[in-house]
Amino acid sequence: MRCQLFTLLFSILLLLACHSERQKLAETDSKLTVDSNKNYAKANSFLEQGRYDSSFVYFDLASDDFIQEGDSLHAAICLIQMAITLFEEGDYYGAQETSLEADKLLDSLNQSHSDLLAFNYNNLGNAISGYGDNETAIVYYDLAVQYAANKIDEQTYKNNKAVTLFSAKRFKEAFLIHKENLKSAGKKDKNYARCLSNYANTRWRIDKAYNP
């Protein structure tokens, strides 16, 4: 039973990370200039209301609009939002395909694309780990870490990598990442509770004498 609870907790923490990604996308988007687009406005409105199925439809329409206008950056944002929705709905293959479409629109050499690359690689890791290909997922989490904009984002992506390592029963590797995250997170850090919980749960896996 304890093992099942730990697995459930990790799943919840991974899902919470997806909601955090939506917020970061909105923050990134607020820094960009975009011409008025009714489909895009509706998509974001439905997103704020938590109506993800409706937002998905309008992000799809808006992505087509932006591609026709030559605005690859906003087209990518639309696709990443769609991919996150697909992941949350359990359509892992659809999420992977949509994230890969977004990746084609981003430039790894353009520093202004770094945040989006990180978000997208993280979602690819989530989607791929969702259907059980842990080794490939880890590769994408490493890419997300590479493009992480700050310490908090880096901790999130490393956490997701460690969750995937845990699923692959590579407990010692997962523990080392959680230990590193806990060490770098101050007690006032918003990620501290997650880091501490994951550290304790993973340590229990490799040290049965430890009481998490």
C-alpha atoms as a PDB file:
ATOM      1  CA  MET A   1       0.000   0.000   0.000  1.00  0.00           C
ATOM      2  CA  ARG A   2       2.817   2.444   0.900  1.00  0.00           C
ATOM      3  CA  CYS A   3       4.459   1.777  -2.463  1.00  0.00           C
ATOM      4  CA  GLN A   4       1.187   2.536  -4.277  1.00  0.00           C
ATOM      5  CA  LEU A   5       0.794   5.777  -2.321  1.00  0.00           C
ATOM      6  CA  PHE A   6       4.325   6.858  -3.231  1.00  0.00           C
ATOM      7  CA  THR A   7       3.668   6.134  -6.907  1.00  0.00           C
ATOM      8  CA  LEU A   8       0.415   8.114  -6.755  1.00  0.00           C
ATOM      9  CA  LEU A   9       2.191  11.020  -5.086  1.00  0.00           C
ATOM     10  CA  PHE A  10       4.845  11.123  -7.808  1.00  0.00           C
ATOM     11  CA  SER A  11       2.113  11.122 -10.468  1.00  0.00           C
ATOM     12  CA  ILE A  12       0.367  14.030  -8.765  1.00  0.00           C
ATOM     13  CA  LEU A  13       3.591  16.033  -8.519  1.00  0.00           C
ATOM     14  CA  LEU A  14       4.299  15.438 -12.202  1.00  0.00           C
ATOM     15  CA  LEU A  15       0.781  16.618 -13.087  1.00  0.00           C
ATOM     16  CA  LEU A  16       1.183  19.739 -10.945  1.00  0.00           C
ATOM     17  CA  ALA A  17       4.308  20.517 -12.933  1.00  0.00           C
ATOM     18  CA  CYS A  18       2.167  20.597 -16.099  1.00  0.00           C
ATOM     19  CA  HIS A  19      -0.135  23.237 -14.605  1.00  0.00           C
ATOM     20  CA  SER A  20       2.957  25.226 -13.681  1.00  0.00           C
ATOM     21  CA  GLU A  21       4.097  25.012 -17.315  1.00  0.00           C
ATOM     22  CA  ARG A  22       0.829  26.610 -18.446  1.00  0.00           C
ATOM     23  CA  GLN A  23       1.491  29.547 -16.127  1.00  0.00           C
ATOM     24  CA  LYS A  24       5.033  29.910 -17.443  1.00  0.00           C
ATOM     25  CA  LEU A  25       3.780  29.848 -21.031  1.00  0.00           C
ATOM     26  CA  ALA A  26       1.371  32.653 -20.195  1.00  0.00           C
ATOM     27  CA  GLU A  27       4.214  34.644 -18.611  1.00  0.00           C
ATOM     28  CA  THR A  28       6.408  34.068 -21.662  1.00  0.00           C
ATOM     29  CA  ASP A  29       3.585  35.060 -23.976  1.00  0.00           C
ATOM     30  CA  SER A  30       2.986  38.281 -22.057  1.00  0.00           C
ATOM     31  CA  LYS A  31       6.498  39.385 -23.005  1.00  0.00           C
ATOM     32  CA  LEU A  32       5.782  38.960 -26.709  1.00  0.00           C
ATOM     33  CA  THR A  33       3.891  41.211 -29.111  1.00  0.00           C
ATOM     34  CA  VAL A  34       1.131  39.644 -31.168  1.00  0.00           C
ATOM     35  CA  ASP A  35      -1.462  41.117 -33.482  1.00  0.00           C
ATOM     36  CA  SER A  36      -5.087  40.654 -32.484  1.00  0.00           C
ATOM     37  CA  ASN A  37      -6.205  37.105 -33.222  1.00  0.00           C
ATOM     38  CA  LYS A  38      -9.738  36.132 -32.211  1.00  0.00           C
ATOM     39  CA  ASN A  39      -9.015  32.409 -32.107  1.00  0.00           C
ATOM     40  CA  TYR A  40      -5.970  32.961 -29.900  1.00  0.00           C
ATOM     41  CA  ALA A  41      -7.915  35.274 -27.576  1.00  0.00           C
ATOM     42  CA  LYS A  42     -10.713  32.708 -27.239  1.00  0.00           C
ATOM     43  CA  ALA A  43      -8.209  29.926 -26.591  1.00  0.00           C
ATOM     44  CA  ASN A  44      -6.603  31.853 -23.739  1.00  0.00           C
ATOM     45  CA  SER A  45      -9.989  32.846 -22.336  1.00  0.00           C
ATOM     46  CA  PHE A  46     -11.144  29.225 -22.213  1.00  0.00           C
ATOM     47  CA  LEU A  47      -7.773  28.267 -20.705  1.00  0.00           C
ATOM     48  CA  GLU A  48      -8.246  30.746 -17.853  1.00  0.00           C
ATOM     49  CA  GLN A  49     -11.681  29.221 -17.222  1.00  0.00           C
ATOM     50  CA  GLY A  50     -10.221  25.721 -17.063  1.00  0.00           C
ATOM     51  CA  ARG A  51     -12.167  24.683 -20.186  1.00  0.00           C
ATOM     52  CA  TYR A  52      -9.246  22.871 -21.749  1.00  0.00           C
ATOM     53  CA  ASP A  53     -11.241  21.030 -24.418  1.00  0.00           C
ATOM     54  CA  SER A  54     -12.538  24.327 -25.821  1.00  0.00           C
ATOM     55  CA  SER A  55      -9.146  26.014 -25.523  1.00  0.00           C
ATOM     56  CA  PHE A  56      -7.618  23.106 -27.437  1.00  0.00           C
ATOM     57  CA  VAL A  57      -9.934  23.706 -30.408  1.00  0.00           C
ATOM     58  CA  TYR A  58      -9.109  27.405 -30.594  1.00  0.00           C
ATOM     59  CA  PHE A  59      -5.377  26.928 -30.055  1.00  0.00           C
ATOM     60  CA  ASP A  60      -5.493  24.562 -33.022  1.00  0.00           C
ATOM     61  CA  LEU A  61      -7.213  27.202 -35.161  1.00  0.00           C
ATOM     62  CA  ALA A  62      -4.866  29.926 -33.909  1.00  0.00           C
ATOM     63  CA  SER A  63      -1.776  27.830 -34.680  1.00  0.00           C
ATOM     64  CA  ASP A  64      -2.922  27.584 -38.302  1.00  0.00           C
ATOM     65  CA  ASP A  65      -3.451  31.353 -38.350  1.00  0.00           C
ATOM     66  CA  PHE A  66       0.024  32.058 -37.006  1.00  0.00           C
ATOM     67  CA  ILE A  67       1.695  29.631 -39.396  1.00  0.00           C
ATOM     68  CA  GLN A  68      -0.008  31.389 -42.327  1.00  0.00           C
ATOM     69  CA  GLU A  69       1.222  34.722 -40.947  1.00  0.00           C
ATOM     70  CA  GLY A  70       4.759  33.417 -40.543  1.00  0.00           C
ATOM     71  CA  ASP A  71       4.617  33.750 -36.736  1.00  0.00           C
ATOM     72  CA  SER A  72       6.289  30.476 -35.798  1.00  0.00           C
ATOM     73  CA  LEU A  73       6.807  31.485 -32.161  1.00  0.00           C
ATOM     74  CA  HIS A  74       3.109  31.900 -31.365  1.00  0.00           C
ATOM     75  CA  ALA A  75       2.247  28.860 -33.443  1.00  0.00           C
ATOM     76  CA  ALA A  76       4.647  26.906 -31.218  1.00  0.00           C
ATOM     77  CA  ILE A  77       3.025  28.299 -28.056  1.00  0.00           C
ATOM     78  CA  CYS A  78      -0.365  27.113 -29.316  1.00  0.00           C
ATOM     79  CA  LEU A  79       0.976  23.644 -30.068  1.00  0.00           C
ATOM     80  CA  ILE A  80       2.673  23.355 -26.677  1.00  0.00           C
ATOM     81  CA  GLN A  81      -0.557  24.303 -24.911  1.00  0.00           C
ATOM     82  CA  MET A  82      -2.372  21.668 -26.977  1.00  0.00           C
ATOM     83  CA  ALA A  83       0.282  19.081 -26.156  1.00  0.00           C
ATOM     84  CA  ILE A  84      -0.053  19.753 -22.419  1.00  0.00           C
ATOM     85  CA  THR A  85      -3.824  19.290 -22.695  1.00  0.00           C
ATOM     86  CA  LEU A  86      -3.373  15.994 -24.542  1.00  0.00           C
ATOM     87  CA  PHE A  87      -0.952  14.799 -21.862  1.00  0.00           C
ATOM     88  CA  GLU A  88      -3.355  15.714 -19.072  1.00  0.00           C
ATOM     89  CA  GLU A  89      -6.135  13.841 -20.894  1.00  0.00           C
ATOM     90  CA  GLY A  90      -3.924  10.739 -21.112  1.00  0.00           C
ATOM     91  CA  ASP A  91      -3.319  10.917 -24.868  1.00  0.00           C
ATOM     92  CA  TYR A  92       0.437  10.460 -24.561  1.00  0.00           C
ATOM     93  CA  TYR A  93       1.086   9.666 -28.212  1.00  0.00           C
ATOM     94  CA  GLY A  94      -0.952  12.676 -29.301  1.00  0.00           C
ATOM     95  CA  ALA A  95       0.951  14.862 -26.843  1.00  0.00           C
ATOM     96  CA  GLN A  96       4.257  13.575 -28.196  1.00  0.00           C
ATOM     97  CA  GLU A  97       3.269  14.187 -31.821  1.00  0.00           C
ATOM     98  CA  THR A  98       2.024  17.708 -31.080  1.00  0.00           C
ATOM     99  CA  SER A  99       5.162  18.592 -29.103  1.00  0.00           C
ATOM    100  CA  LEU A 100       7.322  17.348 -31.952  1.00  0.00           C
ATOM    101  CA  GLU A 101       5.378  19.650 -34.304  1.00  0.00           C
ATOM    102  CA  ALA A 102       6.115  22.547 -31.962  1.00  0.00           C
ATOM    103  CA  ASP A 103       9.790  21.612 -31.859  1.00  0.00           C
ATOM    104  CA  LYS A 104      10.036  22.068 -35.627  1.00  0.00           C
ATOM    105  CA  LEU A 105       8.966  25.702 -35.204  1.00  0.00           C
ATOM    106  CA  LEU A 106      11.570  26.550 -32.556  1.00  0.00           C
ATOM    107  CA  ASP A 107      15.201  27.505 -33.078  1.00  0.00           C
ATOM    108  CA  SER A 108      17.673  26.048 -30.590  1.00  0.00           C
ATOM    109  CA  LEU A 109      20.180  28.766 -31.536  1.00  0.00           C
ATOM    110  CA  ASN A 110      17.755  31.597 -30.773  1.00  0.00           C
ATOM    111  CA  GLN A 111      18.045  32.545 -27.095  1.00  0.00           C
ATOM    112  CA  SER A 112      14.525  34.006 -27.061  1.00  0.00           C
ATOM    113  CA  HIS A 113      13.207  30.511 -27.805  1.00  0.00           C
ATOM    114  CA  SER A 114      14.980  28.900 -24.830  1.00  0.00           C
ATOM    115  CA  ASP A 115      12.000  29.010 -22.443  1.00  0.00           C
ATOM    116  CA  LEU A 116       9.696  27.438 -25.003  1.00  0.00           C
ATOM    117  CA  LEU A 117      12.249  24.776 -25.869  1.00  0.00           C
ATOM    118  CA  ALA A 118      12.528  23.876 -22.186  1.00  0.00           C
ATOM    119  CA  PHE A 119       8.749  23.725 -21.709  1.00  0.00           C
ATOM    120  CA  ASN A 120       8.345  21.636 -24.844  1.00  0.00           C
ATOM    121  CA  TYR A 121      11.125  19.181 -24.029  1.00  0.00           C
ATOM    122  CA  ASN A 122       9.683  18.750 -20.551  1.00  0.00           C
ATOM    123  CA  ASN A 123       6.279  17.955 -22.018  1.00  0.00           C
ATOM    124  CA  LEU A 124       7.874  15.498 -24.434  1.00  0.00           C
ATOM    125  CA  GLY A 125       9.508  13.802 -21.466  1.00  0.00           C
ATOM    126  CA  ASN A 126       6.164  13.665 -19.649  1.00  0.00           C
ATOM    127  CA  ALA A 127       4.337  12.253 -22.674  1.00  0.00           C
ATOM    128  CA  ILE A 128       6.960   9.643 -23.499  1.00  0.00           C
ATOM    129  CA  SER A 129       7.296   8.518 -19.897  1.00  0.00           C
ATOM    130  CA  GLY A 130       3.492   8.314 -19.847  1.00  0.00           C
ATOM    131  CA  TYR A 131       3.509   5.393 -22.250  1.00  0.00           C
ATOM    132  CA  GLY A 132       6.508   3.780 -20.615  1.00  0.00           C
ATOM    133  CA  ASP A 133       9.551   4.656 -22.727  1.00  0.00           C
ATOM    134  CA  ASN A 134      11.542   5.877 -19.756  1.00  0.00           C
ATOM    135  CA  GLU A 135      14.951   5.954 -21.436  1.00  0.00           C
ATOM    136  CA  THR A 136      13.825   8.272 -24.238  1.00  0.00           C
ATOM    137  CA  ALA A 137      11.919  10.443 -21.753  1.00  0.00           C
ATOM    138  CA  ILE A 138      15.108  10.970 -19.751  1.00  0.00           C
ATOM    139  CA  VAL A 139      16.862  12.298 -22.862  1.00  0.00           C
ATOM    140  CA  TYR A 140      14.180  14.980 -23.256  1.00  0.00           C
ATOM    141  CA  TYR A 141      14.275  15.918 -19.570  1.00  0.00           C
ATOM    142  CA  ASP A 142      18.027  16.456 -19.931  1.00  0.00           C
ATOM    143  CA  LEU A 143      17.327  18.783 -22.876  1.00  0.00           C
ATOM    144  CA  ALA A 144      14.749  20.651 -20.786  1.00  0.00           C
ATOM    145  CA  VAL A 145      17.368  21.150 -18.063  1.00  0.00           C
ATOM    146  CA  GLN A 146      19.816  22.410 -20.695  1.00  0.00           C
ATOM    147  CA  TYR A 147      17.425  25.195 -21.736  1.00  0.00           C
ATOM    148  CA  ALA A 148      15.998  25.937 -18.267  1.00  0.00           C
ATOM    149  CA  ALA A 149      15.689  29.655 -17.619  1.00  0.00           C
ATOM    150  CA  ASN A 150      16.225  29.556 -13.844  1.00  0.00           C
ATOM    151  CA  LYS A 151      16.895  27.357 -10.820  1.00  0.00           C
ATOM    152  CA  ILE A 152      13.208  26.643 -10.132  1.00  0.00           C
ATOM    153  CA  ASP A 153      12.584  25.422 -13.676  1.00  0.00           C
ATOM    154  CA  GLU A 154      15.773  23.358 -13.568  1.00  0.00           C
ATOM    155  CA  GLN A 155      14.627  21.727 -10.309  1.00  0.00           C
ATOM    156  CA  THR A 156      11.250  20.920 -11.876  1.00  0.00           C
ATOM    157  CA  TYR A 157      12.777  19.220 -14.908  1.00  0.00           C
ATOM    158  CA  LYS A 158      15.296  17.336 -12.781  1.00  0.00           C
ATOM    159  CA  ASN A 159      12.441  16.251 -10.529  1.00  0.00           C
ATOM    160  CA  ASN A 160      10.531  14.889 -13.513  1.00  0.00           C
ATOM    161  CA  LYS A 161      13.642  13.050 -14.659  1.00  0.00           C
ATOM    162  CA  ALA A 162      14.012  11.546 -11.197  1.00  0.00           C
ATOM    163  CA  VAL A 163      10.340  10.494 -11.187  1.00  0.00           C
ATOM    164  CA  THR A 164      10.960   8.691 -14.470  1.00  0.00           C
ATOM    165  CA  LEU A 165      14.129   7.070 -13.104  1.00  0.00           C
ATOM    166  CA  PHE A 166      12.049   5.942 -10.133  1.00  0.00           C
ATOM    167  CA  SER A 167       9.492   4.381 -12.498  1.00  0.00           C
ATOM    168  CA  ALA A 168      12.361   2.592 -14.244  1.00  0.00           C
ATOM    169  CA  LYS A 169      13.413   1.246 -10.804  1.00  0.00           C
ATOM    170  CA  ARG A 170      16.689   3.172 -11.002  1.00  0.00           C
ATOM    171  CA  PHE A 171      16.194   4.270  -7.421  1.00  0.00           C
ATOM    172  CA  LYS A 172      19.777   5.263  -6.563  1.00  0.00           C
ATOM    173  CA  GLU A 173      19.994   7.614  -9.567  1.00  0.00           C
ATOM    174  CA  ALA A 174      16.610   9.111  -8.716  1.00  0.00           C
ATOM    175  CA  PHE A 175      17.660   9.582  -5.091  1.00  0.00           C
ATOM    176  CA  LEU A 176      20.832  11.455  -6.041  1.00  0.00           C
ATOM    177  CA  ILE A 177      18.797  13.953  -8.084  1.00  0.00           C
ATOM    178  CA  HIS A 178      16.251  14.474  -5.305  1.00  0.00           C
ATOM    179  CA  LYS A 179      19.104  14.867  -2.812  1.00  0.00           C
ATOM    180  CA  GLU A 180      20.702  17.518  -5.036  1.00  0.00           C
ATOM    181  CA  ASN A 181      17.380  19.340  -5.484  1.00  0.00           C
ATOM    182  CA  LEU A 182      16.736  19.336  -1.743  1.00  0.00           C
ATOM    183  CA  LYS A 183      20.218  20.693  -1.048  1.00  0.00           C
ATOM    184  CA  SER A 184      19.806  23.553  -3.534  1.00  0.00           C
ATOM    185  CA  ALA A 185      16.258  24.451  -2.425  1.00  0.00           C
ATOM    186  CA  GLY A 186      15.973  26.812   0.515  1.00  0.00           C
ATOM    187  CA  LYS A 187      13.221  26.180   3.057  1.00  0.00           C
ATOM    188  CA  LYS A 188      11.368  29.249   1.763  1.00  0.00           C
ATOM    189  CA  ASP A 189      11.610  27.966  -1.812  1.00  0.00           C
ATOM    190  CA  LYS A 190       8.179  27.074  -3.219  1.00  0.00           C
ATOM    191  CA  ASN A 191       9.641  23.764  -4.424  1.00  0.00           C
ATOM    192  CA  TYR A 192      11.067  22.828  -1.017  1.00  0.00           C
ATOM    193  CA  ALA A 193       8.112  20.695   0.118  1.00  0.00           C
ATOM    194  CA  ARG A 194       8.157  18.726  -3.138  1.00  0.00           C
ATOM    195  CA  CYS A 195      11.923  18.248  -2.958  1.00  0.00           C
ATOM    196  CA  LEU A 196      11.718  17.058   0.651  1.00  0.00           C
ATOM    197  CA  SER A 197       8.843  14.665  -0.067  1.00  0.00           C
ATOM    198  CA  ASN A 198      10.538  13.137  -3.101  1.00  0.00           C
ATOM    199  CA  TYR A 199      13.833  12.857  -1.223  1.00  0.00           C
ATOM    200  CA  ALA A 200      12.157  10.992   1.628  1.00  0.00           C
ATOM    201  CA  ASN A 201      10.110   8.696  -0.585  1.00  0.00           C
ATOM    202  CA  THR A 202      13.053   7.749  -2.776  1.00  0.00           C
ATOM    203  CA  ARG A 203      15.456   7.297   0.126  1.00  0.00           C
ATOM    204  CA  TRP A 204      12.995   4.814   1.615  1.00  0.00           C
ATOM    205  CA  ARG A 205      13.383   2.733  -1.539  1.00  0.00           C
ATOM    206  CA  ILE A 206      17.125   2.283  -1.081  1.00  0.00           C
ATOM    207  CA  ASP A 207      17.260   2.365   2.727  1.00  0.00           C
ATOM    208  CA  LYS A 208      14.524   0.252   4.338  1.00  0.00           C
ATOM    209  CA  ALA A 209      15.664   1.370   7.788  1.00  0.00           C
ATOM    210  CA  TYR A 210      14.775   4.967   6.893  1.00  0.00           C
ATOM    211  CA  ASN A 211      11.370   6.220   8.013  1.00  0.00           C
ATOM    212  CA  PRO A 212      10.079   8.727   5.427  1.00  0.00           C
END
